C-alpha atoms as a PDB file:
ATOM      1  CA  UNK A   1      19.132  -9.589 -26.094  1.00  0.00           C
ATOM      2  CA  UNK A   2      20.800 -12.304 -23.987  1.00  0.00           C
ATOM      3  CA  UNK A   3      17.486 -13.213 -22.357  1.00  0.00           C
ATOM      4  CA  UNK A   4      18.884 -16.358 -20.702  1.00  0.00           C
ATOM      5  CA  UNK A   5      21.566 -14.395 -18.855  1.00  0.00           C
ATOM      6  CA  UNK A   6      19.118 -11.634 -17.917  1.00  0.00           C
ATOM      7  CA  UNK A   7      16.605 -14.159 -16.641  1.00  0.00           C
ATOM      8  CA  UNK A   8      19.278 -15.903 -14.599  1.00  0.00           C
ATOM      9  CA  UNK A   9      20.195 -12.602 -12.946  1.00  0.00           C
ATOM     10  CA  UNK A  10      16.587 -11.790 -12.072  1.00  0.00           C
ATOM     11  CA  UNK A  11      15.604 -15.285 -10.926  1.00  0.00           C
ATOM     12  CA  UNK A  12      18.812 -15.974  -9.045  1.00  0.00           C
ATOM     13  CA  UNK A  13      19.798 -18.903 -11.271  1.00  0.00           C
ATOM     14  CA  UNK A  14      18.831 -20.985 -14.280  1.00  0.00           C
ATOM     15  CA  UNK A  15      15.503 -22.735 -14.710  1.00  0.00           C
ATOM     16  CA  UNK A  16      16.254 -26.341 -13.756  1.00  0.00           C
ATOM     17  CA  UNK A  17      13.202 -27.959 -12.165  1.00  0.00           C
ATOM     18  CA  UNK A  18       9.555 -28.846 -12.680  1.00  0.00           C
ATOM     19  CA  UNK A  19       7.086 -28.042  -9.926  1.00  0.00           C
ATOM     20  CA  UNK A  20       7.040 -31.698  -8.887  1.00  0.00           C
ATOM     21  CA  UNK A  21      10.820 -31.632  -8.471  1.00  0.00           C
ATOM     22  CA  UNK A  22      10.636 -28.420  -6.434  1.00  0.00           C
ATOM     23  CA  UNK A  23       8.135 -29.953  -4.035  1.00  0.00           C
ATOM     24  CA  UNK A  24      10.186 -33.142  -3.736  1.00  0.00           C
ATOM     25  CA  UNK A  25      13.499 -31.361  -3.120  1.00  0.00           C
ATOM     26  CA  UNK A  26      11.919 -28.945  -0.624  1.00  0.00           C
ATOM     27  CA  UNK A  27      10.163 -31.785   1.183  1.00  0.00           C
ATOM     28  CA  UNK A  28       6.749 -30.115   0.822  1.00  0.00           C
ATOM     29  CA  UNK A  29       3.548 -31.701  -0.562  1.00  0.00           C
ATOM     30  CA  UNK A  30       2.936 -30.692  -4.177  1.00  0.00           C
ATOM     31  CA  UNK A  31      -0.574 -29.439  -3.362  1.00  0.00           C
ATOM     32  CA  UNK A  32       0.813 -27.014  -0.820  1.00  0.00           C
ATOM     33  CA  UNK A  33       3.629 -25.811  -3.076  1.00  0.00           C
ATOM     34  CA  UNK A  34       1.114 -25.229  -5.891  1.00  0.00           C
ATOM     35  CA  UNK A  35      -1.218 -23.349  -3.557  1.00  0.00           C
ATOM     36  CA  UNK A  36       1.617 -21.031  -2.517  1.00  0.00           C
ATOM     37  CA  UNK A  37       2.646 -20.445  -6.137  1.00  0.00           C
ATOM     38  CA  UNK A  38      -0.902 -19.430  -7.099  1.00  0.00           C
ATOM     39  CA  UNK A  39      -1.340 -17.248  -3.996  1.00  0.00           C
ATOM     40  CA  UNK A  40       1.804 -15.329  -4.942  1.00  0.00           C
ATOM     41  CA  UNK A  41       0.067 -14.395  -8.189  1.00  0.00           C
ATOM     42  CA  UNK A  42       2.036 -16.564 -10.617  1.00  0.00           C
ATOM     43  CA  UNK A  43       0.445 -18.434 -13.512  1.00  0.00           C
ATOM     44  CA  UNK A  44      -0.104 -22.157 -13.101  1.00  0.00           C
ATOM     45  CA  UNK A  45       2.432 -24.289 -14.990  1.00  0.00           C
ATOM     46  CA  UNK A  46       2.273 -27.867 -16.224  1.00  0.00           C
ATOM     47  CA  UNK A  47       3.905 -30.758 -14.370  1.00  0.00           C
ATOM     48  CA  UNK A  48       6.536 -31.190 -17.092  1.00  0.00           C
ATOM     49  CA  UNK A  49       7.504 -27.531 -17.541  1.00  0.00           C
ATOM     50  CA  UNK A  50      11.034 -26.718 -16.389  1.00  0.00           C
ATOM     51  CA  UNK A  51      10.540 -23.195 -15.013  1.00  0.00           C
ATOM     52  CA  UNK A  52      11.852 -23.252 -11.431  1.00  0.00           C
ATOM     53  CA  UNK A  53      15.273 -22.445  -9.967  1.00  0.00           C
ATOM     54  CA  UNK A  54      17.185 -23.295  -6.814  1.00  0.00           C
ATOM     55  CA  UNK A  55      15.802 -20.067  -5.346  1.00  0.00           C
ATOM     56  CA  UNK A  56      12.275 -21.468  -5.667  1.00  0.00           C
ATOM     57  CA  UNK A  57      13.268 -24.547  -3.694  1.00  0.00           C
ATOM     58  CA  UNK A  58      14.810 -22.387  -0.974  1.00  0.00           C
ATOM     59  CA  UNK A  59      11.688 -20.207  -0.775  1.00  0.00           C
ATOM     60  CA  UNK A  60       9.314 -23.175  -0.411  1.00  0.00           C
ATOM     61  CA  UNK A  61      11.594 -24.827   2.135  1.00  0.00           C
ATOM     62  CA  UNK A  62      11.912 -21.602   4.163  1.00  0.00           C
ATOM     63  CA  UNK A  63       8.146 -21.089   4.218  1.00  0.00           C
ATOM     64  CA  UNK A  64       7.692 -24.647   5.434  1.00  0.00           C
ATOM     65  CA  UNK A  65      10.236 -24.060   8.211  1.00  0.00           C
ATOM     66  CA  UNK A  66       8.462 -20.867   9.318  1.00  0.00           C
ATOM     67  CA  UNK A  67       5.230 -22.820   9.694  1.00  0.00           C
ATOM     68  CA  UNK A  68       6.911 -25.776  11.393  1.00  0.00           C
ATOM     69  CA  UNK A  69       8.532 -23.432  13.922  1.00  0.00           C
ATOM     70  CA  UNK A  70       5.161 -21.925  14.800  1.00  0.00           C
ATOM     71  CA  UNK A  71       6.159 -18.424  13.662  1.00  0.00           C
ATOM     72  CA  UNK A  72       3.625 -18.480  10.830  1.00  0.00           C
ATOM     73  CA  UNK A  73       0.178 -20.009  11.290  1.00  0.00           C
ATOM     74  CA  UNK A  74      -0.536 -22.484   8.472  1.00  0.00           C
ATOM     75  CA  UNK A  75      -3.972 -20.905   8.013  1.00  0.00           C
ATOM     76  CA  UNK A  76      -2.267 -17.587   7.197  1.00  0.00           C
ATOM     77  CA  UNK A  77       0.138 -19.064   4.661  1.00  0.00           C
ATOM     78  CA  UNK A  78      -1.997 -18.334   1.588  1.00  0.00           C
ATOM     79  CA  UNK A  79      -3.228 -14.868   2.732  1.00  0.00           C
ATOM     80  CA  UNK A  80       0.336 -13.777   3.513  1.00  0.00           C
ATOM     81  CA  UNK A  81       1.504 -15.048   0.115  1.00  0.00           C
ATOM     82  CA  UNK A  82      -1.337 -13.188  -1.632  1.00  0.00           C
ATOM     83  CA  UNK A  83      -0.431  -9.943   0.112  1.00  0.00           C
ATOM     84  CA  UNK A  84       3.257 -10.300  -0.735  1.00  0.00           C
ATOM     85  CA  UNK A  85       2.478 -11.155  -4.344  1.00  0.00           C
ATOM     86  CA  UNK A  86       0.074  -8.234  -4.751  1.00  0.00           C
ATOM     87  CA  UNK A  87       2.372  -5.548  -3.363  1.00  0.00           C
ATOM     88  CA  UNK A  88       5.603  -6.859  -4.836  1.00  0.00           C
ATOM     89  CA  UNK A  89       4.109  -7.304  -8.305  1.00  0.00           C
ATOM     90  CA  UNK A  90       3.214  -3.604  -8.316  1.00  0.00           C
ATOM     91  CA  UNK A  91       6.695  -2.711  -7.132  1.00  0.00           C
ATOM     92  CA  UNK A  92       8.239  -4.887  -9.849  1.00  0.00           C
ATOM     93  CA  UNK A  93       6.066  -3.301 -12.538  1.00  0.00           C
ATOM     94  CA  UNK A  94       7.156   0.185 -11.477  1.00  0.00           C
ATOM     95  CA  UNK A  95      10.814  -0.823 -11.374  1.00  0.00           C
ATOM     96  CA  UNK A  96      10.726  -2.320 -14.876  1.00  0.00           C
ATOM     97  CA  UNK A  97       9.123   0.851 -16.209  1.00  0.00           C
ATOM     98  CA  UNK A  98      11.770   2.914 -14.445  1.00  0.00           C
ATOM     99  CA  UNK A  99      14.503   0.728 -15.945  1.00  0.00           C
ATOM    100  CA  UNK A 100      13.018   0.970 -19.418  1.00  0.00           C
ATOM    101  CA  UNK A 101      12.895   4.766 -19.145  1.00  0.00           C
ATOM    102  CA  UNK A 102      16.552   4.767 -18.111  1.00  0.00           C
ATOM    103  CA  UNK A 103      17.480   2.531 -21.044  1.00  0.00           C
ATOM    104  CA  UNK A 104      15.578   4.511 -23.665  1.00  0.00           C
ATOM    105  CA  UNK A 105      16.764   7.904 -22.428  1.00  0.00           C
ATOM    106  CA  UNK A 106      20.456   7.000 -22.098  1.00  0.00           C
ATOM    107  CA  UNK A 107      21.866   7.477 -25.569  1.00  0.00           C
ATOM    108  CA  UNK A 108      22.151   4.237 -27.516  1.00  0.00           C
ATOM    109  CA  UNK A 109      21.965   1.982 -24.486  1.00  0.00           C
ATOM    110  CA  UNK A 110      18.727   0.419 -25.683  1.00  0.00           C
ATOM    111  CA  UNK A 111      20.525  -0.774 -28.839  1.00  0.00           C
ATOM    112  CA  UNK A 112      23.272  -2.595 -26.940  1.00  0.00           C
ATOM    113  CA  UNK A 113      21.898  -5.819 -25.430  1.00  0.00           C
ATOM    114  CA  UNK A 114      25.074  -6.591 -23.496  1.00  0.00           C
ATOM    115  CA  UNK A 115      25.032  -3.164 -21.837  1.00  0.00           C
ATOM    116  CA  UNK A 116      21.387  -3.577 -20.834  1.00  0.00           C
ATOM    117  CA  UNK A 117      22.096  -6.923 -19.168  1.00  0.00           C
ATOM    118  CA  UNK A 118      25.158  -5.448 -17.423  1.00  0.00           C
ATOM    119  CA  UNK A 119      23.081  -2.509 -16.210  1.00  0.00           C
ATOM    120  CA  UNK A 120      20.461  -4.840 -14.709  1.00  0.00           C
ATOM    121  CA  UNK A 121      23.187  -6.955 -13.133  1.00  0.00           C
ATOM    122  CA  UNK A 122      24.649  -3.862 -11.480  1.00  0.00           C
ATOM    123  CA  UNK A 123      21.378  -2.268 -10.383  1.00  0.00           C
ATOM    124  CA  UNK A 124      19.643  -5.345  -8.948  1.00  0.00           C
ATOM    125  CA  UNK A 125      21.773  -5.614  -5.767  1.00  0.00           C
ATOM    126  CA  UNK A 126      21.337  -1.875  -5.181  1.00  0.00           C
ATOM    127  CA  UNK A 127      17.549  -2.182  -5.450  1.00  0.00           C
ATOM    128  CA  UNK A 128      17.599  -5.121  -3.052  1.00  0.00           C
ATOM    129  CA  UNK A 129      19.591  -3.120  -0.506  1.00  0.00           C
ATOM    130  CA  UNK A 130      17.210  -0.161  -0.693  1.00  0.00           C
ATOM    131  CA  UNK A 131      14.159  -2.414  -0.371  1.00  0.00           C
ATOM    132  CA  UNK A 132      15.691  -4.181   2.606  1.00  0.00           C
ATOM    133  CA  UNK A 133      16.468  -0.845   4.260  1.00  0.00           C
ATOM    134  CA  UNK A 134      12.916   0.481   3.763  1.00  0.00           C
ATOM    135  CA  UNK A 135      11.397  -2.792   5.002  1.00  0.00           C
ATOM    136  CA  UNK A 136      13.554  -2.796   8.138  1.00  0.00           C
ATOM    137  CA  UNK A 137      12.721   0.835   8.873  1.00  0.00           C
ATOM    138  CA  UNK A 138       8.986   0.165   8.632  1.00  0.00           C
ATOM    139  CA  UNK A 139       9.436  -3.022  10.642  1.00  0.00           C
ATOM    140  CA  UNK A 140      11.152  -1.045  13.400  1.00  0.00           C
ATOM    141  CA  UNK A 141       8.387   1.577  13.411  1.00  0.00           C
ATOM    142  CA  UNK A 142       5.573  -0.969  13.705  1.00  0.00           C
ATOM    143  CA  UNK A 143       7.495  -3.014  16.267  1.00  0.00           C
ATOM    144  CA  UNK A 144       7.984   0.101  18.365  1.00  0.00           C
ATOM    145  CA  UNK A 145       4.249   0.771  18.442  1.00  0.00           C
ATOM    146  CA  UNK A 146       3.455  -2.873  19.197  1.00  0.00           C
ATOM    147  CA  UNK A 147       5.957  -3.108  22.045  1.00  0.00           C
ATOM    148  CA  UNK A 148       4.715   0.183  23.488  1.00  0.00           C
ATOM    149  CA  UNK A 149       1.274  -1.406  23.962  1.00  0.00           C
ATOM    150  CA  UNK A 150       1.911  -5.162  24.202  1.00  0.00           C
ATOM    151  CA  UNK A 151      -1.512  -5.820  25.757  1.00  0.00           C
ATOM    152  CA  UNK A 152      -3.367  -4.399  22.738  1.00  0.00           C
ATOM    153  CA  UNK A 153      -4.670  -6.622  19.967  1.00  0.00           C
ATOM    154  CA  UNK A 154      -2.743  -5.509  16.878  1.00  0.00           C
ATOM    155  CA  UNK A 155      -5.413  -6.852  14.530  1.00  0.00           C
ATOM    156  CA  UNK A 156      -8.285  -5.023  16.226  1.00  0.00           C
ATOM    157  CA  UNK A 157      -7.346  -1.717  17.781  1.00  0.00           C
ATOM    158  CA  UNK A 158      -8.647   1.808  18.276  1.00  0.00           C
ATOM    159  CA  UNK A 159      -7.391   4.229  15.652  1.00  0.00           C
ATOM    160  CA  UNK A 160      -8.441   7.226  13.611  1.00  0.00           C
ATOM    161  CA  UNK A 161      -9.145   6.535   9.931  1.00  0.00           C
ATOM    162  CA  UNK A 162      -9.158   9.118   7.172  1.00  0.00           C
ATOM    163  CA  UNK A 163     -10.000   9.327   3.484  1.00  0.00           C
ATOM    164  CA  UNK A 164      -8.873  12.276   1.367  1.00  0.00           C
ATOM    165  CA  UNK A 165     -10.056  12.405  -2.208  1.00  0.00           C
ATOM    166  CA  UNK A 166      -9.612  14.767  -5.140  1.00  0.00           C
ATOM    167  CA  UNK A 167     -12.796  16.521  -6.248  1.00  0.00           C
ATOM    168  CA  UNK A 168     -13.757  16.320  -9.912  1.00  0.00           C
ATOM    169  CA  UNK A 169     -11.269  13.588 -10.761  1.00  0.00           C
ATOM    170  CA  UNK A 170     -13.558  11.916 -13.314  1.00  0.00           C
ATOM    171  CA  UNK A 171     -14.053  15.193 -15.214  1.00  0.00           C
ATOM    172  CA  UNK A 172     -10.315  15.795 -15.043  1.00  0.00           C
ATOM    173  CA  UNK A 173      -9.555  12.456 -16.721  1.00  0.00           C
ATOM    174  CA  UNK A 174     -11.677  13.517 -19.692  1.00  0.00           C
ATOM    175  CA  UNK A 175      -9.874  16.809 -20.350  1.00  0.00           C
ATOM    176  CA  UNK A 176      -6.265  15.999 -19.429  1.00  0.00           C
ATOM    177  CA  UNK A 177      -3.819  14.029 -21.511  1.00  0.00           C
ATOM    178  CA  UNK A 178      -2.141  10.935 -20.147  1.00  0.00           C
ATOM    179  CA  UNK A 179       1.057  12.781 -19.231  1.00  0.00           C
ATOM    180  CA  UNK A 180      -0.749  15.637 -17.487  1.00  0.00           C
ATOM    181  CA  UNK A 181      -2.975  13.252 -15.546  1.00  0.00           C
ATOM    182  CA  UNK A 182       0.031  11.213 -14.456  1.00  0.00           C
ATOM    183  CA  UNK A 183       1.748  14.390 -13.216  1.00  0.00           C
ATOM    184  CA  UNK A 184      -1.310  15.391 -11.166  1.00  0.00           C
ATOM    185  CA  UNK A 185      -1.577  11.957  -9.559  1.00  0.00           C
ATOM    186  CA  UNK A 186       2.162  11.918  -8.835  1.00  0.00           C
ATOM    187  CA  UNK A 187       1.970  15.357  -7.169  1.00  0.00           C
ATOM    188  CA  UNK A 188      -1.022  14.314  -5.073  1.00  0.00           C
ATOM    189  CA  UNK A 189       0.597  11.056  -3.968  1.00  0.00           C
ATOM    190  CA  UNK A 190       3.846  12.832  -3.097  1.00  0.00           C
ATOM    191  CA  UNK A 191       2.048  15.488  -1.065  1.00  0.00           C
ATOM    192  CA  UNK A 192      -0.203  12.967   0.679  1.00  0.00           C
ATOM    193  CA  UNK A 193       2.603  10.622   1.715  1.00  0.00           C
ATOM    194  CA  UNK A 194       4.714  13.565   2.915  1.00  0.00           C
ATOM    195  CA  UNK A 195       1.954  15.110   5.046  1.00  0.00           C
ATOM    196  CA  UNK A 196       0.801  11.772   6.471  1.00  0.00           C
ATOM    197  CA  UNK A 197       4.332  10.774   7.472  1.00  0.00           C
ATOM    198  CA  UNK A 198       5.099  14.218   8.939  1.00  0.00           C
ATOM    199  CA  UNK A 199       2.117  13.935  11.274  1.00  0.00           C
ATOM    200  CA  UNK A 200       2.682  10.358  12.470  1.00  0.00           C
ATOM    201  CA  UNK A 201       0.087   8.700  10.247  1.00  0.00           C
ATOM    202  CA  UNK A 202       0.447   5.688   7.960  1.00  0.00           C
ATOM    203  CA  UNK A 203      -0.701   5.327   4.373  1.00  0.00           C
ATOM    204  CA  UNK A 204      -2.892   2.257   4.017  1.00  0.00           C
ATOM    205  CA  UNK A 205      -3.325   2.578   0.257  1.00  0.00           C
ATOM    206  CA  UNK A 206      -3.545   5.022  -2.602  1.00  0.00           C
ATOM    207  CA  UNK A 207      -6.579   4.475  -4.824  1.00  0.00           C
ATOM    208  CA  UNK A 208      -5.896   6.725  -7.797  1.00  0.00           C
ATOM    209  CA  UNK A 209      -7.492   9.998  -6.730  1.00  0.00           C
ATOM    210  CA  UNK A 210      -7.891   8.984  -3.083  1.00  0.00           C
ATOM    211  CA  UNK A 211      -5.690   8.128  -0.116  1.00  0.00           C
ATOM    212  CA  UNK A 212      -6.700   6.046   2.892  1.00  0.00           C
ATOM    213  CA  UNK A 213      -4.641   6.560   6.052  1.00  0.00           C
ATOM    214  CA  UNK A 214      -4.696   5.735   9.757  1.00  0.00           C
ATOM    215  CA  UNK A 215      -3.255   7.465  12.808  1.00  0.00           C
ATOM    216  CA  UNK A 216      -2.988   6.444  16.448  1.00  0.00           C
ATOM    217  CA  UNK A 217      -4.082   9.873  17.726  1.00  0.00           C
ATOM    218  CA  UNK A 218      -7.248  11.701  16.594  1.00  0.00           C
ATOM    219  CA  UNK A 219      -5.347  15.005  16.640  1.00  0.00           C
ATOM    220  CA  UNK A 220      -2.795  13.627  14.178  1.00  0.00           C
ATOM    221  CA  UNK A 221      -5.546  12.464  11.822  1.00  0.00           C
ATOM    222  CA  UNK A 222      -7.229  15.873  12.051  1.00  0.00           C
ATOM    223  CA  UNK A 223      -3.953  17.677  11.310  1.00  0.00           C
ATOM    224  CA  UNK A 224      -3.308  15.433   8.303  1.00  0.00           C
ATOM    225  CA  UNK A 225      -6.743  16.060   6.798  1.00  0.00           C
ATOM    226  CA  UNK A 226      -6.658  19.818   7.377  1.00  0.00           C
ATOM    227  CA  UNK A 227      -3.095  20.222   6.111  1.00  0.00           C
ATOM    228  CA  UNK A 228      -3.813  18.245   2.947  1.00  0.00           C
ATOM    229  CA  UNK A 229      -6.934  20.318   2.343  1.00  0.00           C
ATOM    230  CA  UNK A 230      -5.033  23.584   2.811  1.00  0.00           C
ATOM    231  CA  UNK A 231      -2.010  22.636   0.734  1.00  0.00           C
ATOM    232  CA  UNK A 232      -4.002  21.343  -2.229  1.00  0.00           C
ATOM    233  CA  UNK A 233      -6.113  24.513  -2.168  1.00  0.00           C
ATOM    234  CA  UNK A 234      -2.900  26.556  -2.353  1.00  0.00           C
ATOM    235  CA  UNK A 235      -1.533  24.545  -5.292  1.00  0.00           C
ATOM    236  CA  UNK A 236      -2.878  25.721  -8.636  1.00  0.00           C
ATOM    237  CA  UNK A 237      -1.798  22.451 -10.271  1.00  0.00           C
ATOM    238  CA  UNK A 238      -3.930  20.275  -7.981  1.00  0.00           C
ATOM    239  CA  UNK A 239      -7.737  20.066  -7.712  1.00  0.00           C
ATOM    240  CA  UNK A 240      -9.426  20.644  -4.358  1.00  0.00           C
ATOM    241  CA  UNK A 241      -9.853  17.726  -2.006  1.00  0.00           C
ATOM    242  CA  UNK A 242     -12.402  16.699   0.584  1.00  0.00           C
ATOM    243  CA  UNK A 243     -11.887  14.470   3.589  1.00  0.00           C
ATOM    244  CA  UNK A 244     -13.746  12.224   6.007  1.00  0.00           C
ATOM    245  CA  UNK A 245     -12.495  11.076   9.419  1.00  0.00           C
ATOM    246  CA  UNK A 246     -13.773   8.555  11.947  1.00  0.00           C
ATOM    247  CA  UNK A 247     -12.374   7.018  15.120  1.00  0.00           C
ATOM    248  CA  UNK A 248     -12.896   3.664  16.813  1.00  0.00           C
ATOM    249  CA  UNK A 249     -12.041  -0.014  16.609  1.00  0.00           C
ATOM    250  CA  UNK A 250     -10.740  -1.226  13.271  1.00  0.00           C
ATOM    251  CA  UNK A 251      -9.637  -4.600  11.987  1.00  0.00           C
ATOM    252  CA  UNK A 252      -6.168  -4.542  10.441  1.00  0.00           C
ATOM    253  CA  UNK A 253      -5.169  -7.472   8.243  1.00  0.00           C
ATOM    254  CA  UNK A 254      -2.271  -7.797   5.810  1.00  0.00           C
ATOM    255  CA  UNK A 255      -1.787  -4.067   5.334  1.00  0.00           C
ATOM    256  CA  UNK A 256      -5.460  -3.149   4.871  1.00  0.00           C
ATOM    257  CA  UNK A 257      -8.102  -1.954   7.343  1.00  0.00           C
ATOM    258  CA  UNK A 258     -11.730  -2.958   7.703  1.00  0.00           C
ATOM    259  CA  UNK A 259     -14.801  -2.303   9.832  1.00  0.00           C
ATOM    260  CA  UNK A 260     -17.616   0.179  10.355  1.00  0.00           C
ATOM    261  CA  UNK A 261     -15.187   2.976  11.265  1.00  0.00           C
ATOM    262  CA  UNK A 262     -13.556   2.687   7.827  1.00  0.00           C
ATOM    263  CA  UNK A 263     -17.001   2.684   6.181  1.00  0.00           C
ATOM    264  CA  UNK A 264     -18.095   5.779   8.113  1.00  0.00           C
ATOM    265  CA  UNK A 265     -14.964   7.691   7.089  1.00  0.00           C
ATOM    266  CA  UNK A 266     -15.628   6.776   3.442  1.00  0.00           C
ATOM    267  CA  UNK A 267     -19.297   7.837   3.629  1.00  0.00           C
ATOM    268  CA  UNK A 268     -18.362  11.156   5.254  1.00  0.00           C
ATOM    269  CA  UNK A 269     -15.897  11.817   2.444  1.00  0.00           C
ATOM    270  CA  UNK A 270     -18.623  11.215  -0.131  1.00  0.00           C
ATOM    271  CA  UNK A 271     -20.876  13.945   1.359  1.00  0.00           C
ATOM    272  CA  UNK A 272     -18.143  16.466   2.237  1.00  0.00           C
ATOM    273  CA  UNK A 273     -18.026  19.672   0.203  1.00  0.00           C
ATOM    274  CA  UNK A 274     -14.858  20.543  -1.710  1.00  0.00           C
ATOM    275  CA  UNK A 275     -12.219  21.961   0.619  1.00  0.00           C
ATOM    276  CA  UNK A 276     -13.870  20.652   3.801  1.00  0.00           C
ATOM    277  CA  UNK A 277     -13.214  17.926   6.354  1.00  0.00           C
ATOM    278  CA  UNK A 278     -16.040  15.985   8.017  1.00  0.00           C
ATOM    279  CA  UNK A 279     -15.646  13.891  11.162  1.00  0.00           C
ATOM    280  CA  UNK A 280     -17.844  11.426  13.003  1.00  0.00           C
ATOM    281  CA  UNK A 281     -19.051  11.964  16.583  1.00  0.00           C
ATOM    282  CA  UNK A 282     -16.279   9.846  18.145  1.00  0.00           C
ATOM    283  CA  UNK A 283     -13.512  11.845  16.514  1.00  0.00           C
ATOM    284  CA  UNK A 284     -15.274  15.162  17.160  1.00  0.00           C
ATOM    285  CA  UNK A 285     -15.596  14.278  20.862  1.00  0.00           C
ATOM    286  CA  UNK A 286     -11.903  13.327  21.013  1.00  0.00           C
ATOM    287  CA  UNK A 287     -10.970  16.770  19.655  1.00  0.00           C
ATOM    288  CA  UNK A 288     -13.344  18.743  21.882  1.00  0.00           C
ATOM    289  CA  UNK A 289     -10.606  19.889  24.277  1.00  0.00           C
ATOM    290  CA  UNK A 290      -7.640  19.799  21.901  1.00  0.00           C
ATOM    291  CA  UNK A 291      -6.236  23.289  21.209  1.00  0.00           C
ATOM    292  CA  UNK A 292      -6.081  24.326  17.587  1.00  0.00           C
ATOM    293  CA  UNK A 293      -9.186  22.467  16.417  1.00  0.00           C
ATOM    294  CA  UNK A 294     -12.881  23.280  16.321  1.00  0.00           C
ATOM    295  CA  UNK A 295     -15.878  21.209  15.272  1.00  0.00           C
ATOM    296  CA  UNK A 296     -19.350  22.266  14.221  1.00  0.00           C
ATOM    297  CA  UNK A 297     -22.304  19.895  14.130  1.00  0.00           C
ATOM    298  CA  UNK A 298     -24.239  19.441  10.909  1.00  0.00           C
ATOM    299  CA  UNK A 299     -27.629  17.885  10.269  1.00  0.00           C
ATOM    300  CA  UNK A 300     -27.673  14.082   9.994  1.00  0.00           C
ATOM    301  CA  UNK A 301     -27.456  12.764   6.455  1.00  0.00           C
ATOM    302  CA  UNK A 302     -28.624   9.550   4.837  1.00  0.00           C
ATOM    303  CA  UNK A 303     -25.881   7.570   3.088  1.00  0.00           C
ATOM    304  CA  UNK A 304     -25.573   3.960   2.005  1.00  0.00           C
ATOM    305  CA  UNK A 305     -25.692   1.756   5.097  1.00  0.00           C
ATOM    306  CA  UNK A 306     -26.279   4.675   7.490  1.00  0.00           C
ATOM    307  CA  UNK A 307     -29.751   6.294   7.369  1.00  0.00           C
ATOM    308  CA  UNK A 308     -28.805   8.947   9.979  1.00  0.00           C
ATOM    309  CA  UNK A 309     -25.084   9.653   9.902  1.00  0.00           C
ATOM    310  CA  UNK A 310     -24.213  12.676  12.052  1.00  0.00           C
ATOM    311  CA  UNK A 311     -21.296  14.638  10.559  1.00  0.00           C
ATOM    312  CA  UNK A 312     -19.204  17.345  12.191  1.00  0.00           C
ATOM    313  CA  UNK A 313     -17.260  19.945  10.213  1.00  0.00           C
ATOM    314  CA  UNK A 314     -13.624  20.074  11.339  1.00  0.00           C
ATOM    315  CA  UNK A 315     -11.863  23.467  11.288  1.00  0.00           C
ATOM    316  CA  UNK A 316      -8.872  25.223  12.724  1.00  0.00           C
ATOM    317  CA  UNK A 317      -9.643  26.524  16.212  1.00  0.00           C
END
């Protein structure tokens, strides 16, 4: 395969520079450029290795300008780079697998190196356009929420947090083949993202057999958890799920959420029975007068970090 041409397409140009030359041409100290490179998740390279392109220089220079302008706090430079590297590396891995499947399933395409390179050259701009569209759409959605409540601290705000996890996942991995297991996970992820989006929630992350989500309104979080529970129960191809919900102040940083509210939701999930949804007192109180929901108090339970956690069973009212 014409690896040099393919690499040039993917990297936006030929490898021309060492890391010292990149730092010099971008006008950025080498220590800082190296720190960014590592934070993005790339392997460290030697001073004499020619591995960088003009695009690398532009990226380092742009980052420096964002910090100089005050738009990006210098203390957040490495955390932001880590987050970008983590999420985009997963996206890249999925896209390469998708491309390889396309190549191997399209006749003799995999045997024609020139056609493979041409295919990548044609598809790359299309992928970039789709990614840009999705990013802008999510940017608009988050900006709308932020501008609706400009006085609220976006890093620490009151929200409802939910975990939904498949019951018996470990046993399932032992009896299902790789293809069957992949199909189950794909169906669960598709259903979860659909239901969460339909009811104004946001997926924080998928963790194999579990999804973590947040919602601005307790009623939306309750509807998400109940709907997911009902729809998985009605699907013979999916195992039952259980869910835990909690409401309160959470810390949101770089796409993830933290704090005692998140911990409580996780602990409630761990003690919920299959096919049920448990909520903490704050979320139960918020739903007390909301039509369509009912809550029933259960005895306090002892879980890690919470010797007397008071759960409430959430049901349709």
